[in-house]
Amino acid sequence: MPRKVNLATLAIKYGPVVYALAQRYGPTVVEQIMRQRDPAQRLIQDRQARVRTNPRKLALAHADSVIEGAVQQVFHTGRPYWVVFSRSEPVGVHPHTNIPFETLLLNADPARRMRPDDLRRTIHVPRRKKG
């Protein structure tokens, strides 16, 4: 049967070794942890920013405010963009970018433009009857 080990005994026995290793390797370990943490924090911040300002919802609201508004989703360098049209002219893009409309709409199919009412997602949940 193993005997119980006193924490104080372990601290006295291994304390100097742990202290010496912490002095030697501590700054390197902290630097590596911080270096690995930065990309993860950037990823989380990007996702939170996308959730707070949903480009699809902003584009639908923008299309509602223009005459004969329509929206179309296009992709540029792997990122989705929503282009807002008034009649057949592009008037805005969400999320905002400096890329010209011609570049975004280069290979886009005009038949895929949709009115905001057609794109809104409404979920009808059946209600349980009381009784």
C-alpha atoms as a PDB file:
ATOM      1  CA  MET A   1       0.000   0.000   0.000  1.00  0.00           C
ATOM      2  CA  PRO A   2       1.513   3.380  -0.976  1.00  0.00           C
ATOM      3  CA  ARG A   3       2.219   5.715   1.848  1.00  0.00           C
ATOM      4  CA  LYS A   4       0.947   9.274   2.005  1.00  0.00           C
ATOM      5  CA  VAL A   5       3.478  11.870   0.950  1.00  0.00           C
ATOM      6  CA  ASN A   6       3.621  15.123   2.808  1.00  0.00           C
ATOM      7  CA  LEU A   7       3.398  18.191   0.556  1.00  0.00           C
ATOM      8  CA  ALA A   8       5.977  20.016   2.626  1.00  0.00           C
ATOM      9  CA  THR A   9       8.465  17.186   2.115  1.00  0.00           C
ATOM     10  CA  LEU A  10       8.020  17.358  -1.663  1.00  0.00           C
ATOM     11  CA  ALA A  11       8.399  21.141  -1.645  1.00  0.00           C
ATOM     12  CA  ILE A  12      11.655  20.913   0.281  1.00  0.00           C
ATOM     13  CA  LYS A  13      12.969  18.120  -1.921  1.00  0.00           C
ATOM     14  CA  TYR A  14      12.032  19.430  -5.397  1.00  0.00           C
ATOM     15  CA  GLY A  15      11.613  23.155  -4.724  1.00  0.00           C
ATOM     16  CA  PRO A  16      15.122  24.220  -5.724  1.00  0.00           C
ATOM     17  CA  VAL A  17      14.982  22.167  -8.933  1.00  0.00           C
ATOM     18  CA  VAL A  18      11.616  23.638  -9.964  1.00  0.00           C
ATOM     19  CA  TYR A  19      12.836  27.145  -9.128  1.00  0.00           C
ATOM     20  CA  ALA A  20      15.985  26.754 -11.232  1.00  0.00           C
ATOM     21  CA  LEU A  21      14.013  25.403 -14.205  1.00  0.00           C
ATOM     22  CA  ALA A  22      11.463  28.223 -13.923  1.00  0.00           C
ATOM     23  CA  GLN A  23      14.256  30.793 -13.931  1.00  0.00           C
ATOM     24  CA  ARG A  24      15.853  29.235 -16.979  1.00  0.00           C
ATOM     25  CA  TYR A  25      12.881  28.247 -19.171  1.00  0.00           C
ATOM     26  CA  GLY A  26      10.095  30.446 -17.809  1.00  0.00           C
ATOM     27  CA  PRO A  27      10.517  33.411 -20.206  1.00  0.00           C
ATOM     28  CA  THR A  28      10.687  31.082 -23.227  1.00  0.00           C
ATOM     29  CA  VAL A  29       7.525  29.251 -22.206  1.00  0.00           C
ATOM     30  CA  VAL A  30       5.642  32.513 -21.619  1.00  0.00           C
ATOM     31  CA  GLU A  31       6.758  33.869 -25.004  1.00  0.00           C
ATOM     32  CA  GLN A  32       5.587  30.717 -26.816  1.00  0.00           C
ATOM     33  CA  ILE A  33       2.223  30.784 -25.050  1.00  0.00           C
ATOM     34  CA  MET A  34       1.692  34.427 -25.997  1.00  0.00           C
ATOM     35  CA  ARG A  35       2.731  33.756 -29.610  1.00  0.00           C
ATOM     36  CA  GLN A  36       0.224  30.900 -29.888  1.00  0.00           C
ATOM     37  CA  ARG A  37      -2.516  32.929 -28.237  1.00  0.00           C
ATOM     38  CA  ASP A  38      -2.445  35.871 -30.703  1.00  0.00           C
ATOM     39  CA  PRO A  39      -3.827  34.047 -33.788  1.00  0.00           C
ATOM     40  CA  ALA A  40      -6.589  32.485 -31.715  1.00  0.00           C
ATOM     41  CA  GLN A  41      -7.571  35.857 -30.256  1.00  0.00           C
ATOM     42  CA  ARG A  42      -7.628  37.425 -33.737  1.00  0.00           C
ATOM     43  CA  LEU A  43      -9.871  34.615 -34.996  1.00  0.00           C
ATOM     44  CA  ILE A  44     -12.291  35.081 -32.096  1.00  0.00           C
ATOM     45  CA  GLN A  45     -12.371  38.864 -32.565  1.00  0.00           C
ATOM     46  CA  ASP A  46     -13.072  38.487 -36.305  1.00  0.00           C
ATOM     47  CA  ARG A  47     -15.943  36.104 -35.635  1.00  0.00           C
ATOM     48  CA  GLN A  48     -17.412  38.358 -32.968  1.00  0.00           C
ATOM     49  CA  ALA A  49     -17.210  41.344 -35.317  1.00  0.00           C
ATOM     50  CA  ARG A  50     -19.018  39.356 -38.034  1.00  0.00           C
ATOM     51  CA  VAL A  51     -21.754  38.333 -35.615  1.00  0.00           C
ATOM     52  CA  ARG A  52     -22.270  41.883 -34.330  1.00  0.00           C
ATOM     53  CA  THR A  53     -22.563  43.366 -37.803  1.00  0.00           C
ATOM     54  CA  ASN A  54     -24.116  40.659 -39.918  1.00  0.00           C
ATOM     55  CA  PRO A  55     -23.426  41.733 -43.539  1.00  0.00           C
ATOM     56  CA  ARG A  56     -26.456  39.840 -44.852  1.00  0.00           C
ATOM     57  CA  LYS A  57     -28.855  41.676 -42.542  1.00  0.00           C
ATOM     58  CA  LEU A  58     -27.235  45.019 -43.339  1.00  0.00           C
ATOM     59  CA  ALA A  59     -27.536  44.317 -47.068  1.00  0.00           C
ATOM     60  CA  LEU A  60     -31.207  43.372 -46.730  1.00  0.00           C
ATOM     61  CA  ALA A  61     -31.936  46.565 -44.793  1.00  0.00           C
ATOM     62  CA  HIS A  62     -30.040  48.599 -47.400  1.00  0.00           C
ATOM     63  CA  ALA A  63     -31.974  46.918 -50.240  1.00  0.00           C
ATOM     64  CA  ASP A  64     -35.264  47.734 -48.487  1.00  0.00           C
ATOM     65  CA  SER A  65     -34.331  51.408 -48.418  1.00  0.00           C
ATOM     66  CA  VAL A  66     -33.629  51.804 -52.170  1.00  0.00           C
ATOM     67  CA  ILE A  67     -35.980  51.765 -55.162  1.00  0.00           C
ATOM     68  CA  GLU A  68     -36.555  48.232 -56.478  1.00  0.00           C
ATOM     69  CA  GLY A  69     -33.800  46.923 -54.219  1.00  0.00           C
ATOM     70  CA  ALA A  70     -32.207  43.537 -54.748  1.00  0.00           C
ATOM     71  CA  VAL A  71     -29.213  41.726 -53.292  1.00  0.00           C
ATOM     72  CA  GLN A  72     -26.776  39.165 -54.633  1.00  0.00           C
ATOM     73  CA  GLN A  73     -24.128  37.201 -52.817  1.00  0.00           C
ATOM     74  CA  VAL A  74     -20.743  37.085 -54.525  1.00  0.00           C
ATOM     75  CA  PHE A  75     -17.383  35.719 -53.422  1.00  0.00           C
ATOM     76  CA  HIS A  76     -14.018  37.412 -53.811  1.00  0.00           C
ATOM     77  CA  THR A  77     -10.800  35.756 -52.557  1.00  0.00           C
ATOM     78  CA  GLY A  78     -12.865  33.272 -50.583  1.00  0.00           C
ATOM     79  CA  ARG A  79     -14.866  35.860 -48.633  1.00  0.00           C
ATOM     80  CA  PRO A  80     -18.599  36.377 -49.128  1.00  0.00           C
ATOM     81  CA  TYR A  81     -19.899  39.827 -50.050  1.00  0.00           C
ATOM     82  CA  TRP A  82     -23.493  41.000 -50.487  1.00  0.00           C
ATOM     83  CA  VAL A  83     -23.930  43.480 -53.336  1.00  0.00           C
ATOM     84  CA  VAL A  84     -27.006  45.737 -53.141  1.00  0.00           C
ATOM     85  CA  PHE A  85     -28.711  46.816 -56.366  1.00  0.00           C
ATOM     86  CA  SER A  86     -31.156  49.631 -57.049  1.00  0.00           C
ATOM     87  CA  ARG A  87     -33.004  48.614 -60.188  1.00  0.00           C
ATOM     88  CA  SER A  88     -30.038  47.094 -62.072  1.00  0.00           C
ATOM     89  CA  GLU A  89     -27.218  49.326 -60.789  1.00  0.00           C
ATOM     90  CA  PRO A  90     -24.994  48.273 -57.880  1.00  0.00           C
ATOM     91  CA  VAL A  91     -25.187  50.840 -55.090  1.00  0.00           C
ATOM     92  CA  GLY A  92     -23.459  49.184 -52.152  1.00  0.00           C
ATOM     93  CA  VAL A  93     -21.614  46.191 -50.810  1.00  0.00           C
ATOM     94  CA  HIS A  94     -21.668  44.617 -47.360  1.00  0.00           C
ATOM     95  CA  PRO A  95     -19.239  44.167 -45.640  1.00  0.00           C
ATOM     96  CA  HIS A  96     -17.742  47.417 -46.869  1.00  0.00           C
ATOM     97  CA  THR A  97     -14.719  47.037 -49.105  1.00  0.00           C
ATOM     98  CA  ASN A  98     -12.668  49.112 -51.542  1.00  0.00           C
ATOM     99  CA  ILE A  99     -12.969  46.493 -54.270  1.00  0.00           C
ATOM    100  CA  PRO A 100     -14.806  47.972 -57.310  1.00  0.00           C
ATOM    101  CA  PHE A 101     -18.218  46.588 -58.284  1.00  0.00           C
ATOM    102  CA  GLU A 102     -16.861  45.445 -61.649  1.00  0.00           C
ATOM    103  CA  THR A 103     -14.374  43.137 -59.946  1.00  0.00           C
ATOM    104  CA  LEU A 104     -16.944  41.720 -57.544  1.00  0.00           C
ATOM    105  CA  LEU A 105     -19.534  41.137 -60.277  1.00  0.00           C
ATOM    106  CA  LEU A 106     -17.091  39.821 -62.897  1.00  0.00           C
ATOM    107  CA  ASN A 107     -18.417  36.253 -62.981  1.00  0.00           C
ATOM    108  CA  ALA A 108     -21.713  36.811 -61.173  1.00  0.00           C
ATOM    109  CA  ASP A 109     -24.986  35.628 -62.666  1.00  0.00           C
ATOM    110  CA  PRO A 110     -27.551  38.488 -62.786  1.00  0.00           C
ATOM    111  CA  ALA A 111     -30.373  35.938 -62.636  1.00  0.00           C
ATOM    112  CA  ARG A 112     -29.385  35.116 -59.053  1.00  0.00           C
ATOM    113  CA  ARG A 113     -30.325  38.549 -57.711  1.00  0.00           C
ATOM    114  CA  MET A 114     -33.058  38.267 -55.139  1.00  0.00           C
ATOM    115  CA  ARG A 115     -35.487  40.667 -53.587  1.00  0.00           C
ATOM    116  CA  PRO A 116     -35.134  41.135 -49.805  1.00  0.00           C
ATOM    117  CA  ASP A 117     -38.573  39.627 -49.102  1.00  0.00           C
ATOM    118  CA  ASP A 118     -37.578  36.406 -50.883  1.00  0.00           C
ATOM    119  CA  LEU A 119     -34.351  36.096 -48.891  1.00  0.00           C
ATOM    120  CA  ARG A 120     -35.721  36.651 -45.416  1.00  0.00           C
ATOM    121  CA  ARG A 121     -35.727  33.500 -43.388  1.00  0.00           C
ATOM    122  CA  THR A 122     -38.932  32.887 -41.524  1.00  0.00           C
ATOM    123  CA  ILE A 123     -39.382  29.761 -39.532  1.00  0.00           C
ATOM    124  CA  HIS A 124     -42.922  28.633 -38.766  1.00  0.00           C
ATOM    125  CA  VAL A 125     -42.896  26.367 -35.763  1.00  0.00           C
ATOM    126  CA  PRO A 126     -46.046  24.307 -35.268  1.00  0.00           C
ATOM    127  CA  ARG A 127     -47.690  25.106 -31.961  1.00  0.00           C
ATOM    128  CA  ARG A 128     -48.982  22.458 -29.633  1.00  0.00           C
ATOM    129  CA  LYS A 129     -52.731  22.541 -29.186  1.00  0.00           C
ATOM    130  CA  LYS A 130     -53.910  23.136 -25.674  1.00  0.00           C
ATOM    131  CA  GLY A 131     -56.486  20.765 -24.413  1.00  0.00           C
END
